Amino acid sequence: MGIFAGPGHVVVRNYFRTYRIAWAEISGFEEPPPYGTFRKAGLRIHLSDGRLISATLYGRSGVDSGKAARKVVGELEQLRRQRTGDHGADPQLPTPHPGQELSG
């Protein structure tokens, strides 16, 4: 399981399904909510066509403060901006290398 960022796409490996999503299809990333069912937990990926994908690996438990997901969301958002030409990138975030597994 995991989230893997490549130069042209993001791969999300969940328990039962793997997604390969082009950067251009992604409109944003969101931290997991502190509540919800299996389908409402996990780091969320908003697609430009309105679909929502959850990376269940980042579901919060009672002991998770959300810092791991927050860091990964920041890294993914920076990569999305770089890959899509969105110039609103936050220069303070570290830049992961293409294909690098994001830390959590």
C-alpha atoms as a PDB file:
ATOM      1  CA  MET A   1       0.000   0.000   0.000  1.00  0.00           C
ATOM      2  CA  GLY A   2       1.138   3.522  -0.596  1.00  0.00           C
ATOM      3  CA  ILE A   3       1.154   6.630  -2.723  1.00  0.00           C
ATOM      4  CA  PHE A   4       3.856   6.855  -5.385  1.00  0.00           C
ATOM      5  CA  ALA A   5       4.515  10.051  -7.338  1.00  0.00           C
ATOM      6  CA  GLY A   6       6.020   9.778 -10.815  1.00  0.00           C
ATOM      7  CA  PRO A   7       6.749  12.411 -13.440  1.00  0.00           C
ATOM      8  CA  GLY A   8       3.437  11.892 -15.270  1.00  0.00           C
ATOM      9  CA  HIS A   9       1.123  10.370 -12.702  1.00  0.00           C
ATOM     10  CA  VAL A  10       0.369   9.330  -9.124  1.00  0.00           C
ATOM     11  CA  VAL A  11      -0.203   5.692  -8.216  1.00  0.00           C
ATOM     12  CA  VAL A  12      -2.420   4.996  -5.202  1.00  0.00           C
ATOM     13  CA  ARG A  13      -2.319   1.409  -3.925  1.00  0.00           C
ATOM     14  CA  ASN A  14      -5.204   0.710  -1.561  1.00  0.00           C
ATOM     15  CA  TYR A  15      -6.273  -2.559   0.060  1.00  0.00           C
ATOM     16  CA  PHE A  16      -8.439  -3.697  -2.838  1.00  0.00           C
ATOM     17  CA  ARG A  17      -7.666  -1.385  -5.746  1.00  0.00           C
ATOM     18  CA  THR A  18      -4.812   0.512  -7.391  1.00  0.00           C
ATOM     19  CA  TYR A  19      -5.320   3.842  -9.153  1.00  0.00           C
ATOM     20  CA  ARG A  20      -2.986   5.416 -11.708  1.00  0.00           C
ATOM     21  CA  ILE A  21      -3.929   9.105 -12.012  1.00  0.00           C
ATOM     22  CA  ALA A  22      -2.372  11.636 -14.392  1.00  0.00           C
ATOM     23  CA  TRP A  23      -1.333  14.893 -12.718  1.00  0.00           C
ATOM     24  CA  ALA A  24      -3.566  16.813 -15.127  1.00  0.00           C
ATOM     25  CA  GLU A  25      -6.603  14.896 -13.784  1.00  0.00           C
ATOM     26  CA  ILE A  26      -5.979  15.997 -10.188  1.00  0.00           C
ATOM     27  CA  SER A  27      -7.516  19.224  -8.941  1.00  0.00           C
ATOM     28  CA  GLY A  28      -6.245  18.927  -5.359  1.00  0.00           C
ATOM     29  CA  PHE A  29      -5.435  16.888  -2.268  1.00  0.00           C
ATOM     30  CA  GLU A  30      -7.096  16.935   1.150  1.00  0.00           C
ATOM     31  CA  GLU A  31      -6.230  15.600   4.587  1.00  0.00           C
ATOM     32  CA  PRO A  32      -8.401  12.801   5.968  1.00  0.00           C
ATOM     33  CA  PRO A  33     -11.329  13.805   8.156  1.00  0.00           C
ATOM     34  CA  PRO A  34     -11.127  12.805  11.832  1.00  0.00           C
ATOM     35  CA  TYR A  35     -14.349  10.781  11.474  1.00  0.00           C
ATOM     36  CA  GLY A  36     -16.250   8.646   9.015  1.00  0.00           C
ATOM     37  CA  THR A  37     -16.610   5.205   7.585  1.00  0.00           C
ATOM     38  CA  PHE A  38     -14.075   3.288   5.529  1.00  0.00           C
ATOM     39  CA  ARG A  39     -15.049   5.213   2.370  1.00  0.00           C
ATOM     40  CA  LYS A  40     -14.846   8.611   4.122  1.00  0.00           C
ATOM     41  CA  ALA A  41     -11.417   8.087   5.697  1.00  0.00           C
ATOM     42  CA  GLY A  42      -8.003   8.487   4.180  1.00  0.00           C
ATOM     43  CA  LEU A  43      -6.098  11.123   2.292  1.00  0.00           C
ATOM     44  CA  ARG A  44      -8.439  12.443  -0.386  1.00  0.00           C
ATOM     45  CA  ILE A  45      -7.615  13.141  -4.018  1.00  0.00           C
ATOM     46  CA  HIS A  46     -10.051  15.423  -5.839  1.00  0.00           C
ATOM     47  CA  LEU A  47     -10.218  14.822  -9.582  1.00  0.00           C
ATOM     48  CA  SER A  48     -11.121  17.465 -12.135  1.00  0.00           C
ATOM     49  CA  ASP A  49     -14.185  15.442 -13.242  1.00  0.00           C
ATOM     50  CA  GLY A  50     -15.646  15.617  -9.711  1.00  0.00           C
ATOM     51  CA  ARG A  51     -14.657  12.129  -8.532  1.00  0.00           C
ATOM     52  CA  LEU A  52     -13.002  11.609  -5.156  1.00  0.00           C
ATOM     53  CA  ILE A  53     -10.402   8.937  -4.410  1.00  0.00           C
ATOM     54  CA  SER A  54      -9.323   8.065  -0.869  1.00  0.00           C
ATOM     55  CA  ALA A  55      -5.898   6.658  -0.080  1.00  0.00           C
ATOM     56  CA  THR A  56      -6.902   4.429   2.819  1.00  0.00           C
ATOM     57  CA  LEU A  57      -3.324   4.097   4.013  1.00  0.00           C
ATOM     58  CA  TYR A  58      -3.670   7.537   5.576  1.00  0.00           C
ATOM     59  CA  GLY A  59      -6.841   6.902   7.567  1.00  0.00           C
ATOM     60  CA  ARG A  60      -6.582   8.542  10.982  1.00  0.00           C
ATOM     61  CA  SER A  61      -6.719   6.542  14.162  1.00  0.00           C
ATOM     62  CA  GLY A  62      -7.300   7.823  17.658  1.00  0.00           C
ATOM     63  CA  VAL A  63      -3.560   8.339  18.194  1.00  0.00           C
ATOM     64  CA  ASP A  64      -2.782  10.072  14.869  1.00  0.00           C
ATOM     65  CA  SER A  65      -2.559  13.845  15.172  1.00  0.00           C
ATOM     66  CA  GLY A  66      -2.806  14.240  11.391  1.00  0.00           C
ATOM     67  CA  LYS A  67       0.806  15.389  10.961  1.00  0.00           C
ATOM     68  CA  ALA A  68       1.734  12.518   8.635  1.00  0.00           C
ATOM     69  CA  ALA A  69      -1.160  13.171   6.271  1.00  0.00           C
ATOM     70  CA  ARG A  70      -0.596  16.940   6.408  1.00  0.00           C
ATOM     71  CA  LYS A  71       3.022  16.497   5.300  1.00  0.00           C
ATOM     72  CA  VAL A  72       2.085  14.152   2.457  1.00  0.00           C
ATOM     73  CA  VAL A  73      -0.713  16.463   1.279  1.00  0.00           C
ATOM     74  CA  GLY A  74       1.788  19.340   1.143  1.00  0.00           C
ATOM     75  CA  GLU A  75       4.316  17.286  -0.822  1.00  0.00           C
ATOM     76  CA  LEU A  76       1.685  16.017  -3.263  1.00  0.00           C
ATOM     77  CA  GLU A  77       0.209  19.467  -3.743  1.00  0.00           C
ATOM     78  CA  GLN A  78       3.636  20.906  -4.525  1.00  0.00           C
ATOM     79  CA  LEU A  79       4.280  18.151  -7.078  1.00  0.00           C
ATOM     80  CA  ARG A  80       0.838  18.693  -8.633  1.00  0.00           C
ATOM     81  CA  ARG A  81       1.578  22.399  -9.062  1.00  0.00           C
ATOM     82  CA  GLN A  82       4.974  21.699 -10.604  1.00  0.00           C
ATOM     83  CA  ARG A  83       3.598  19.063 -12.992  1.00  0.00           C
ATOM     84  CA  THR A  84       0.576  21.096 -14.113  1.00  0.00           C
ATOM     85  CA  GLY A  85       2.245  24.510 -14.361  1.00  0.00           C
ATOM     86  CA  ASP A  86       0.271  25.971 -11.449  1.00  0.00           C
ATOM     87  CA  HIS A  87       2.613  28.717 -10.188  1.00  0.00           C
ATOM     88  CA  GLY A  88       1.052  28.927  -6.723  1.00  0.00           C
ATOM     89  CA  ALA A  89       3.520  26.400  -5.265  1.00  0.00           C
ATOM     90  CA  ASP A  90       4.696  26.878  -1.701  1.00  0.00           C
ATOM     91  CA  PRO A  91       8.507  27.330  -1.895  1.00  0.00           C
ATOM     92  CA  GLN A  92       8.952  26.295   1.765  1.00  0.00           C
ATOM     93  CA  LEU A  93       7.923  22.678   1.183  1.00  0.00           C
ATOM     94  CA  PRO A  94      10.640  20.092   0.418  1.00  0.00           C
ATOM     95  CA  THR A  95      10.683  18.838  -3.175  1.00  0.00           C
ATOM     96  CA  PRO A  96      10.392  15.032  -3.498  1.00  0.00           C
ATOM     97  CA  HIS A  97      12.139  13.416  -6.439  1.00  0.00           C
ATOM     98  CA  PRO A  98       9.977  11.902  -9.230  1.00  0.00           C
ATOM     99  CA  GLY A  99       9.058   8.331  -8.335  1.00  0.00           C
ATOM    100  CA  GLN A 100       9.950   8.849  -4.677  1.00  0.00           C
ATOM    101  CA  GLU A 101       7.630   7.190  -2.187  1.00  0.00           C
ATOM    102  CA  LEU A 102       6.195   9.945  -0.041  1.00  0.00           C
ATOM    103  CA  SER A 103       6.798   9.711   3.672  1.00  0.00           C
ATOM    104  CA  GLY A 104       3.946   9.482   6.115  1.00  0.00           C
END
